[in-house]
């Protein structure tokens, strides 16, 4: 029997177990379906360092060309490099990656020309259903004239484009540690920040785990998990670096630690980059999702920008950015989006802004980031529950009668207290989990709100 695509076609992309869920036949069917549903006749196709990547990319291309589309084989890519190709060439894109998922997984991220996202609400559900029909026996419609496949290397063009956006050539010399996590940062960092294809920058780069290896032999390529940045933190302190950078598996996210090895929150990075972009584009809109720190919209407004609060998830933030022509957007998950990058997310460009901010100043990364930290966060806390939506309503009822409390339902339930504390409770898209994020003006107020909600959620 054919795999059930609904089990692993997610809200924004495809993530499945290689062999049992994702096979070359599945990828070929999705390739044919993507062309049929979107009508796009040129596709850039890339893959990350996972062993199954080249075969899956070839299978997607086979389905697409049989359906009449031309394919540009971009080979090894970070996800943001694939977005660059889709933007610069104005073609649709398919990136074979499972991002930070473990080695047994692979997947697919799809976009339209100009890197416009394809999610369940914007075509992915139709592609899933069409591909399922093909796998279940419906003949894939073959074009009278099949498309062609050509190969092209975009690494140098991608590096040059990013260097044009953020000029690092005149910053003070910086020593940085970069943990690529055996992911695609090992392919792109040397090109963009090193001297592999362009002139050297005033950066001394200490490399950790740059060998491309989809089995992730050193640690998972998810820098938001504290255990996965322990090596980076230790190395930064050991060599006396100015800061450290960690990329996830497909290198579209970047996480920062300061010279003490202490993590800099993505909210602080969002606020820092927002001030830089607003200095260039005064009065612009800047997006932030609803679980970034409350300091983010405050700082955007203080610098003359227009803060726009969005739901969690890249399809939502990209949609709002496009509608409002926002100059920048940031999420708590270390995804950073730029108007200058077709409203798409790029961890590398975010890293370059951080390096520029530190390198153009005599202050340390810690001193700079402290400007953008005003509140105490709980971090994301997950609770396994039988009925997430019923628990949300129970918490909503708990706070409904309390004086001075306001709530909203933009994404899950957000609770705002008079003392400045707030919390958001929302269900996972893929698991029977509730995700809680809370923040307060001090540790005690944050903990009171956090613990009050958890008592209800976990009872």
Protein backbone atom coordinates (compact mmCIF):
# COMPACT_ATOMS: atom_id res chain seq x y z
CA UNK A 1 0.00 0.00 0.00
CA UNK A 2 1.07 3.56 -0.70
CA UNK A 3 2.07 5.69 2.30
CA UNK A 4 -0.62 8.01 3.70
CA UNK A 5 0.76 11.44 2.88
CA UNK A 6 -1.52 13.15 5.41
CA UNK A 7 0.61 11.57 8.15
CA UNK A 8 3.74 13.49 7.19
CA UNK A 9 2.71 16.44 5.05
CA UNK A 10 2.79 19.14 7.73
CA UNK A 11 1.45 22.68 7.91
CA UNK A 12 4.41 24.21 6.09
CA UNK A 13 6.44 21.33 4.63
CA UNK A 14 6.95 17.58 4.34
CA UNK A 15 8.81 15.64 7.08
CA UNK A 16 8.83 11.86 6.95
CA UNK A 17 10.79 8.73 7.80
CA UNK A 18 13.02 7.66 4.93
CA UNK A 19 11.94 4.31 3.50
CA UNK A 20 8.64 3.79 5.31
CA UNK A 21 7.08 7.17 4.49
CA UNK A 22 9.38 9.02 2.12
CA UNK A 23 10.53 7.06 -0.91
CA UNK A 24 11.67 8.04 -4.41
CA UNK A 25 8.19 7.10 -5.65
CA UNK A 26 6.61 9.54 -3.17
CA UNK A 27 9.00 12.31 -4.17
CA UNK A 28 8.34 11.68 -7.87
CA UNK A 29 4.59 11.85 -7.30
CA UNK A 30 4.96 15.11 -5.35
CA UNK A 31 7.08 16.53 -8.18
CA UNK A 32 4.40 15.74 -10.74
CA UNK A 33 1.66 17.04 -8.42
CA UNK A 34 3.51 20.28 -7.68
CA UNK A 35 3.67 21.11 -11.39
CA UNK A 36 0.03 20.11 -11.98
CA UNK A 37 -1.32 22.12 -9.04
CA UNK A 38 0.79 25.28 -9.35
CA UNK A 39 1.20 25.40 -13.11
CA UNK A 40 4.81 26.49 -12.60
CA UNK A 41 7.00 25.44 -15.53
CA UNK A 42 10.47 26.01 -14.02
CA UNK A 43 11.65 24.58 -10.69
CA UNK A 44 14.94 24.96 -8.84
CA UNK A 45 15.64 21.78 -6.88
CA UNK A 46 18.25 21.46 -4.12
CA UNK A 47 19.05 19.11 -1.27
CA UNK A 48 20.92 19.13 2.05
CA UNK A 49 23.67 16.76 3.26
CA UNK A 50 21.45 13.78 4.11
CA UNK A 51 22.36 10.58 2.28
CA UNK A 52 18.89 10.30 0.74
CA UNK A 53 18.95 13.90 -0.53
CA UNK A 54 20.44 13.47 -4.02
CA UNK A 55 18.13 10.57 -4.85
CA UNK A 56 15.06 12.40 -3.57
CA UNK A 57 15.97 15.55 -5.49
CA UNK A 58 16.41 13.47 -8.63
CA UNK A 59 13.03 11.79 -8.06
CA UNK A 60 11.24 15.12 -7.58
CA UNK A 61 12.89 16.38 -10.77
CA UNK A 62 11.82 13.26 -12.64
CA UNK A 63 8.19 13.82 -11.70
CA UNK A 64 8.38 17.52 -12.53
CA UNK A 65 10.01 17.06 -15.93
CA UNK A 66 7.56 14.31 -16.92
CA UNK A 67 4.80 16.81 -16.14
CA UNK A 68 6.45 19.27 -18.55
CA UNK A 69 8.47 21.51 -16.23
CA UNK A 70 12.13 22.41 -16.62
CA UNK A 71 14.35 21.76 -13.60
CA UNK A 72 17.43 23.63 -12.44
CA UNK A 73 19.45 21.17 -10.36
CA UNK A 74 21.13 23.33 -7.69
CA UNK A 75 22.76 20.38 -5.88
CA UNK A 76 23.86 20.93 -2.28
CA UNK A 77 21.95 23.88 -0.83
CA UNK A 78 21.00 25.50 2.40
CA UNK A 79 17.29 26.26 2.48
CA UNK A 80 17.92 30.00 2.29
CA UNK A 81 20.15 29.45 -0.76
CA UNK A 82 17.21 27.73 -2.44
CA UNK A 83 15.06 30.76 -1.57
CA UNK A 84 17.76 32.97 -3.09
CA UNK A 85 17.57 31.01 -6.35
CA UNK A 86 13.76 31.15 -6.37
CA UNK A 87 13.92 34.89 -5.76
CA UNK A 88 16.72 35.84 -8.12
CA UNK A 89 15.52 33.64 -11.01
CA UNK A 90 11.83 34.11 -10.24
CA UNK A 91 11.19 30.36 -10.36
CA UNK A 92 9.47 27.86 -8.09
CA UNK A 93 11.65 25.94 -5.63
CA UNK A 94 11.87 22.54 -3.99
CA UNK A 95 14.33 21.91 -1.16
CA UNK A 96 14.89 18.34 0.03
CA UNK A 97 15.56 18.68 3.75
CA UNK A 98 14.21 17.71 7.15
CA UNK A 99 15.91 20.72 8.75
CA UNK A 100 16.92 19.77 12.31
CA UNK A 101 15.04 16.45 12.43
CA UNK A 102 17.09 13.32 13.28
CA UNK A 103 18.99 11.35 10.67
CA UNK A 104 16.15 8.92 9.90
CA UNK A 105 14.07 11.74 8.42
CA UNK A 106 14.02 13.74 5.23
CA UNK A 107 11.48 16.09 3.74
CA UNK A 108 10.61 18.83 1.34
CA UNK A 109 10.07 22.58 1.49
CA UNK A 110 8.30 24.12 -1.51
CA UNK A 111 7.98 27.71 -2.65
CA UNK A 112 6.56 29.64 -5.58
CA UNK A 113 8.55 32.18 -7.64
CA UNK A 114 9.98 35.04 -5.56
CA UNK A 115 10.26 32.55 -2.66
CA UNK A 116 6.56 32.83 -1.81
CA UNK A 117 5.74 30.02 0.63
CA UNK A 118 3.59 27.01 -0.15
CA UNK A 119 1.79 25.76 2.95
CA UNK A 120 -1.36 23.72 3.52
CA UNK A 121 -3.51 26.82 3.02
CA UNK A 122 -1.63 27.96 -0.09
CA UNK A 123 -1.40 24.85 -2.25
CA UNK A 124 0.35 22.16 -0.23
CA UNK A 125 -2.91 20.38 0.64
CA UNK A 126 -3.83 20.21 -3.05
CA UNK A 127 -0.33 18.95 -3.93
CA UNK A 128 -0.61 16.32 -1.19
CA UNK A 129 -4.00 15.12 -2.46
CA UNK A 130 -2.88 15.03 -6.09
CA UNK A 131 0.28 13.12 -5.18
CA UNK A 132 -1.76 10.69 -3.07
CA UNK A 133 -4.03 10.00 -6.02
CA UNK A 134 -0.99 9.26 -8.21
CA UNK A 135 0.43 6.90 -5.58
CA UNK A 136 -2.96 5.19 -5.26
CA UNK A 137 -3.00 4.38 -8.96
CA UNK A 138 -4.24 7.41 -10.84
CA UNK A 139 -1.94 7.86 -13.87
CA UNK A 140 0.27 10.93 -13.58
CA UNK A 141 -0.44 13.22 -16.51
CA UNK A 142 2.64 13.29 -18.72
CA UNK A 143 3.39 16.27 -20.95
CA UNK A 144 3.67 15.80 -24.69
CA UNK A 145 7.10 17.40 -24.41
CA UNK A 146 8.97 16.52 -21.20
CA UNK A 147 10.96 19.24 -19.48
CA UNK A 148 14.73 19.43 -19.28
CA UNK A 149 17.16 19.28 -16.34
CA UNK A 150 20.23 21.50 -16.16
CA UNK A 151 22.76 21.77 -13.32
CA UNK A 152 24.08 25.03 -11.89
CA UNK A 153 26.19 26.09 -8.89
CA UNK A 154 24.75 29.12 -7.07
CA UNK A 155 27.06 29.26 -4.04
CA UNK A 156 29.20 32.20 -5.24
CA UNK A 157 26.18 34.23 -6.40
CA UNK A 158 24.41 33.61 -3.09
CA UNK A 159 27.48 34.71 -1.11
CA UNK A 160 27.94 37.86 -3.22
CA UNK A 161 24.27 38.82 -2.82
CA UNK A 162 24.42 38.59 0.97
CA UNK A 163 27.69 40.53 1.14
CA UNK A 164 26.06 43.32 -0.86
CA UNK A 165 23.28 43.54 1.74
CA UNK A 166 25.57 43.71 4.79
CA UNK A 167 29.08 45.08 4.26
CA UNK A 168 31.47 43.48 6.74
CA UNK A 169 34.69 44.55 5.01
CA UNK A 170 35.38 47.48 7.35
CA UNK A 171 34.37 46.10 10.74
CA UNK A 172 36.97 45.68 13.48
CA UNK A 173 38.60 42.23 13.50
CA UNK A 174 36.44 39.64 15.22
CA UNK A 175 37.15 36.11 16.35
CA UNK A 176 34.09 33.90 16.06
CA UNK A 177 33.29 30.24 16.63
CA UNK A 178 30.77 28.70 14.23
CA UNK A 179 29.07 25.39 14.97
CA UNK A 180 27.61 24.04 11.73
CA UNK A 181 26.27 20.91 13.46
CA UNK A 182 27.43 18.81 10.46
CA UNK A 183 24.71 20.60 8.51
CA UNK A 184 24.61 22.96 5.57
CA UNK A 185 26.40 25.75 7.43
CA UNK A 186 29.51 23.69 6.68
CA UNK A 187 28.82 24.38 2.99
CA UNK A 188 27.80 28.06 3.14
CA UNK A 189 29.76 29.71 5.98
CA UNK A 190 33.13 29.45 4.26
CA UNK A 191 31.67 30.99 1.11
CA UNK A 192 29.83 33.89 2.78
CA UNK A 193 32.00 34.69 5.81
CA UNK A 194 35.29 33.08 4.75
CA UNK A 195 37.50 33.43 1.68
CA UNK A 196 36.39 30.35 -0.26
CA UNK A 197 34.86 32.32 -3.16
CA UNK A 198 35.17 36.01 -2.20
CA UNK A 199 37.76 38.27 -0.59
CA UNK A 200 38.59 37.58 3.04
CA UNK A 201 36.73 39.53 5.73
CA UNK A 202 38.21 40.70 9.06
CA UNK A 203 36.91 37.52 10.67
CA UNK A 204 38.88 34.72 12.27
CA UNK A 205 36.57 31.70 12.11
CA UNK A 206 37.02 28.75 14.45
CA UNK A 207 35.08 25.90 12.84
CA UNK A 208 33.10 23.27 14.75
CA UNK A 209 31.55 20.28 12.97
CA UNK A 210 31.80 21.61 9.41
CA UNK A 211 31.93 18.09 7.89
CA UNK A 212 28.68 17.50 6.01
CA UNK A 213 27.15 14.44 7.66
CA UNK A 214 23.43 13.74 7.71
CA UNK A 215 23.85 11.25 10.55
CA UNK A 216 24.73 14.17 12.89
CA UNK A 217 27.52 12.34 14.75
CA UNK A 218 28.24 15.15 17.24
CA UNK A 219 24.84 16.50 18.24
CA UNK A 220 21.42 17.18 16.76
CA UNK A 221 21.42 20.18 14.43
CA UNK A 222 18.86 22.09 16.49
CA UNK A 223 20.54 24.98 18.32
CA UNK A 224 17.39 25.91 20.24
CA UNK A 225 17.93 22.83 22.42
CA UNK A 226 20.44 23.83 25.15
CA UNK A 227 22.25 20.47 24.97
CA UNK A 228 23.16 21.15 21.34
CA UNK A 229 25.11 24.35 22.00
CA UNK A 230 27.20 23.08 24.92
CA UNK A 231 30.22 22.47 22.66
CA UNK A 232 29.88 25.91 21.10
CA UNK A 233 29.68 27.60 24.49
CA UNK A 234 32.76 25.79 25.74
CA UNK A 235 34.74 26.55 22.59
CA UNK A 236 33.86 30.26 22.66
CA UNK A 237 35.18 30.51 26.22
CA UNK A 238 38.22 28.34 25.48
CA UNK A 239 39.51 30.40 22.53
CA UNK A 240 38.37 33.82 23.79
CA UNK A 241 36.05 34.45 20.86
CA UNK A 242 33.94 37.59 20.51
CA UNK A 243 30.84 35.51 19.91
CA UNK A 244 29.57 32.15 18.65
CA UNK A 245 27.09 31.19 15.94
CA UNK A 246 25.17 27.91 15.62
CA UNK A 247 23.18 26.91 12.53
CA UNK A 248 20.51 24.26 12.24
CA UNK A 249 20.64 21.40 9.75
CA UNK A 250 19.50 23.29 6.66
CA UNK A 251 21.11 26.54 7.89
CA UNK A 252 18.02 28.71 7.64
CA UNK A 253 18.16 29.43 11.40
CA UNK A 254 21.00 30.94 13.38
CA UNK A 255 21.53 31.06 17.14
CA UNK A 256 23.99 33.39 18.90
CA UNK A 257 26.05 33.11 22.08
CA UNK A 258 28.10 35.96 23.54
CA UNK A 259 31.78 35.96 24.57
CA UNK A 260 30.86 34.36 27.90
CA UNK A 261 29.12 31.55 26.06
CA UNK A 262 25.74 32.80 27.24
CA UNK A 263 22.83 32.44 24.77
CA UNK A 264 21.44 35.63 23.27
CA UNK A 265 17.67 35.22 22.96
CA UNK A 266 16.15 35.31 19.47
CA UNK A 267 13.93 38.14 20.75
CA UNK A 268 17.01 40.24 21.47
CA UNK A 269 18.40 39.42 18.01
CA UNK A 270 15.04 40.37 16.47
CA UNK A 271 15.08 43.74 18.24
CA UNK A 272 18.75 44.38 17.35
CA UNK A 273 18.25 43.68 13.64
CA UNK A 274 14.99 45.66 13.63
CA UNK A 275 16.82 48.77 14.82
CA UNK A 276 19.42 48.35 12.06
CA UNK A 277 16.81 47.92 9.35
CA UNK A 278 14.73 50.83 10.66
CA UNK A 279 17.82 53.06 10.56
CA UNK A 280 17.99 52.34 6.81
CA UNK A 281 14.22 52.36 6.22
CA UNK A 282 12.61 54.76 8.72
CA UNK A 283 8.96 54.24 9.55
CA UNK A 284 8.78 50.74 8.10
CA UNK A 285 6.69 47.90 9.46
CA UNK A 286 8.49 45.11 11.34
CA UNK A 287 6.80 41.77 12.09
CA UNK A 288 7.22 39.67 15.22
CA UNK A 289 5.30 36.60 16.25
CA UNK A 290 3.18 36.74 19.35
CA UNK A 291 5.58 34.84 21.61
CA UNK A 292 8.61 37.04 21.10
CA UNK A 293 9.39 39.24 24.09
CA UNK A 294 7.17 42.25 24.75
CA UNK A 295 10.38 44.28 24.44
CA UNK A 296 10.39 43.65 20.68
CA UNK A 297 7.32 45.75 19.74
CA UNK A 298 8.32 48.37 22.31
CA UNK A 299 11.77 48.79 20.76
CA UNK A 300 10.39 48.77 17.20
CA UNK A 301 8.01 51.60 18.12
CA UNK A 302 10.73 53.53 19.98
CA UNK A 303 12.83 53.47 16.78
CA UNK A 304 10.00 54.84 14.67
CA UNK A 305 8.83 51.51 13.25
CA UNK A 306 5.40 49.95 13.08
CA UNK A 307 5.29 46.65 15.00
CA UNK A 308 3.03 43.97 13.53
CA UNK A 309 2.10 41.00 15.71
CA UNK A 310 1.55 37.70 13.87
CA UNK A 311 0.72 34.08 14.51
CA UNK A 312 3.56 31.59 14.97
CA UNK A 313 4.74 30.02 11.71
CA UNK A 314 6.62 31.16 8.65
CA UNK A 315 3.63 31.15 6.27
CA UNK A 316 1.79 33.60 8.54
CA UNK A 317 4.68 35.98 9.11
CA UNK A 318 5.66 35.95 5.41
CA UNK A 319 2.07 36.69 4.39
CA UNK A 320 1.82 39.69 6.72
CA UNK A 321 5.24 40.94 5.66
CA UNK A 322 4.20 40.83 2.02
CA UNK A 323 0.88 42.55 2.65
CA UNK A 324 2.45 45.33 4.71
CA UNK A 325 5.80 45.51 2.85
CA UNK A 326 7.53 44.98 6.19
CA UNK A 327 11.28 45.45 6.16
CA UNK A 328 12.03 42.65 8.63
CA UNK A 329 10.43 39.95 10.73
CA UNK A 330 11.63 37.77 13.60
CA UNK A 331 10.39 34.69 15.46
CA UNK A 332 11.24 33.16 18.85
CA UNK A 333 12.54 30.10 16.98
CA UNK A 334 15.46 32.05 15.44
CA UNK A 335 13.86 32.41 12.02
CA UNK A 336 14.58 35.89 10.62
CA UNK A 337 12.88 37.29 7.51
CA UNK A 338 14.04 40.14 5.29
CA UNK A 339 12.31 42.25 2.64
CA UNK A 340 15.68 42.41 0.88
CA UNK A 341 15.56 38.60 0.69
CA UNK A 342 12.11 38.24 -0.88
CA UNK A 343 10.50 38.23 2.59
CA UNK A 344 12.11 34.81 3.17
CA UNK A 345 14.05 33.62 6.20
CA UNK A 346 17.83 33.41 6.22
CA UNK A 347 19.97 32.58 9.22
CA UNK A 348 23.11 33.71 7.40
CA UNK A 349 21.89 37.27 6.79
CA UNK A 350 20.82 37.51 10.44
CA UNK A 351 24.29 36.37 11.51
CA UNK A 352 25.86 39.03 9.29
CA UNK A 353 23.75 41.75 10.93
CA UNK A 354 24.92 40.60 14.36
CA UNK A 355 28.56 40.57 13.22
CA UNK A 356 28.15 44.05 11.74
CA UNK A 357 26.54 45.41 14.91
CA UNK A 358 29.37 44.07 17.07
CA UNK A 359 32.12 44.89 14.56
CA UNK A 360 30.97 48.48 14.03
CA UNK A 361 31.00 49.10 17.79
CA UNK A 362 33.57 48.85 20.55
CA UNK A 363 31.00 47.14 22.74
CA UNK A 364 30.79 43.39 23.24
CA UNK A 365 27.97 41.19 21.99
CA UNK A 366 26.78 40.90 25.59
CA UNK A 367 26.68 44.67 26.08
CA UNK A 368 24.83 45.15 22.81
CA UNK A 369 22.26 42.44 23.44
CA UNK A 370 21.52 43.64 26.98
CA UNK A 371 20.01 46.79 25.46
CA UNK A 372 17.22 44.64 24.07
CA UNK A 373 16.38 42.53 27.14
CA UNK A 374 13.72 44.00 29.45
CA UNK A 375 11.68 41.08 30.74
CA UNK A 376 12.14 37.58 32.15
CA UNK A 377 10.96 34.74 29.88
CA UNK A 378 9.91 31.23 30.87
CA UNK A 379 11.08 29.60 27.66
CA UNK A 380 8.73 27.21 25.88
CA UNK A 381 7.20 24.58 28.18
CA UNK A 382 5.41 21.59 26.64
CA UNK A 383 2.68 19.61 28.39
CA UNK A 384 1.19 16.39 27.02
CA UNK A 385 -2.61 16.48 27.35
CA UNK A 386 -5.47 14.38 25.98
CA UNK A 387 -7.50 17.31 24.66
CA UNK A 388 -5.41 20.47 24.09
CA UNK A 389 -8.37 22.61 23.03
CA UNK A 390 -10.44 21.68 26.08
CA UNK A 391 -7.52 22.61 28.35
CA UNK A 392 -7.18 25.98 26.61
CA UNK A 393 -10.86 26.69 27.32
CA UNK A 394 -10.37 25.65 30.95
CA UNK A 395 -7.51 28.15 31.32
CA UNK A 396 -9.54 30.84 29.53
CA UNK A 397 -12.40 30.34 31.99
CA UNK A 398 -9.93 30.49 34.88
CA UNK A 399 -8.90 34.03 33.88
CA UNK A 400 -12.19 35.30 32.43
CA UNK A 401 -13.50 36.79 35.67
CA UNK A 402 -10.23 38.23 36.94
CA UNK A 403 -10.01 41.99 37.10
CA UNK A 404 -7.49 43.69 34.85
CA UNK A 405 -6.92 40.61 32.67
CA UNK A 406 -7.24 40.80 28.89
CA UNK A 407 -7.08 37.89 26.48
CA UNK A 408 -6.96 37.33 22.73
CA UNK A 409 -7.19 34.34 20.36
CA UNK A 410 -4.85 35.31 17.53
CA UNK A 411 -2.98 32.02 18.05
CA UNK A 412 -4.15 29.80 20.89
CA UNK A 413 -4.86 31.87 24.01
CA UNK A 414 -2.84 34.92 25.09
CA UNK A 415 -3.34 36.29 28.61
CA UNK A 416 -2.18 39.78 29.64
CA UNK A 417 -2.01 40.86 33.30
CA UNK A 418 -1.96 44.38 34.71
CA UNK A 419 1.57 43.95 36.10
CA UNK A 420 2.96 43.52 32.55
CA UNK A 421 3.16 39.74 32.67
CA UNK A 422 1.73 37.74 29.77
CA UNK A 423 1.43 34.14 28.65
CA UNK A 424 0.49 32.31 25.48
CA UNK A 425 -0.91 28.78 25.41
CA UNK A 426 -1.28 27.13 22.01
CA UNK A 427 -1.61 23.58 20.71
CA UNK A 428 1.09 21.83 18.72
CA UNK A 429 0.27 21.28 15.04
CA UNK A 430 1.57 17.72 15.11
CA UNK A 431 1.36 16.29 18.66
CA UNK A 432 -1.12 16.21 21.61
CA UNK A 433 0.86 18.94 23.31
CA UNK A 434 0.20 22.39 24.70
CA UNK A 435 3.03 24.89 24.40
CA UNK A 436 3.26 27.56 27.09
CA UNK A 437 5.35 30.72 26.86
CA UNK A 438 5.23 33.26 29.69
CA UNK A 439 7.08 36.49 30.46
CA UNK A 440 7.12 38.95 33.31
CA UNK A 441 8.81 42.15 34.42
CA UNK A 442 10.70 40.06 37.01
CA UNK A 443 11.31 36.41 37.83
CA UNK A 444 8.66 36.20 40.53
CA UNK A 445 5.82 37.60 38.45
CA UNK A 446 6.69 35.37 35.50
CA UNK A 447 6.78 32.28 37.73
CA UNK A 448 3.43 33.12 39.36
CA UNK A 449 1.69 33.29 36.00
CA UNK A 450 3.54 30.29 34.59
CA UNK A 451 2.80 28.06 37.57
CA UNK A 452 -0.83 29.17 37.81
CA UNK A 453 -1.46 28.11 34.21
CA UNK A 454 0.52 24.85 34.49
CA UNK A 455 -1.52 23.77 37.51
CA UNK A 456 -4.64 23.86 35.38
CA UNK A 457 -3.03 22.38 32.28
CA UNK A 458 -1.49 19.43 34.12
CA UNK A 459 -4.35 18.56 36.46
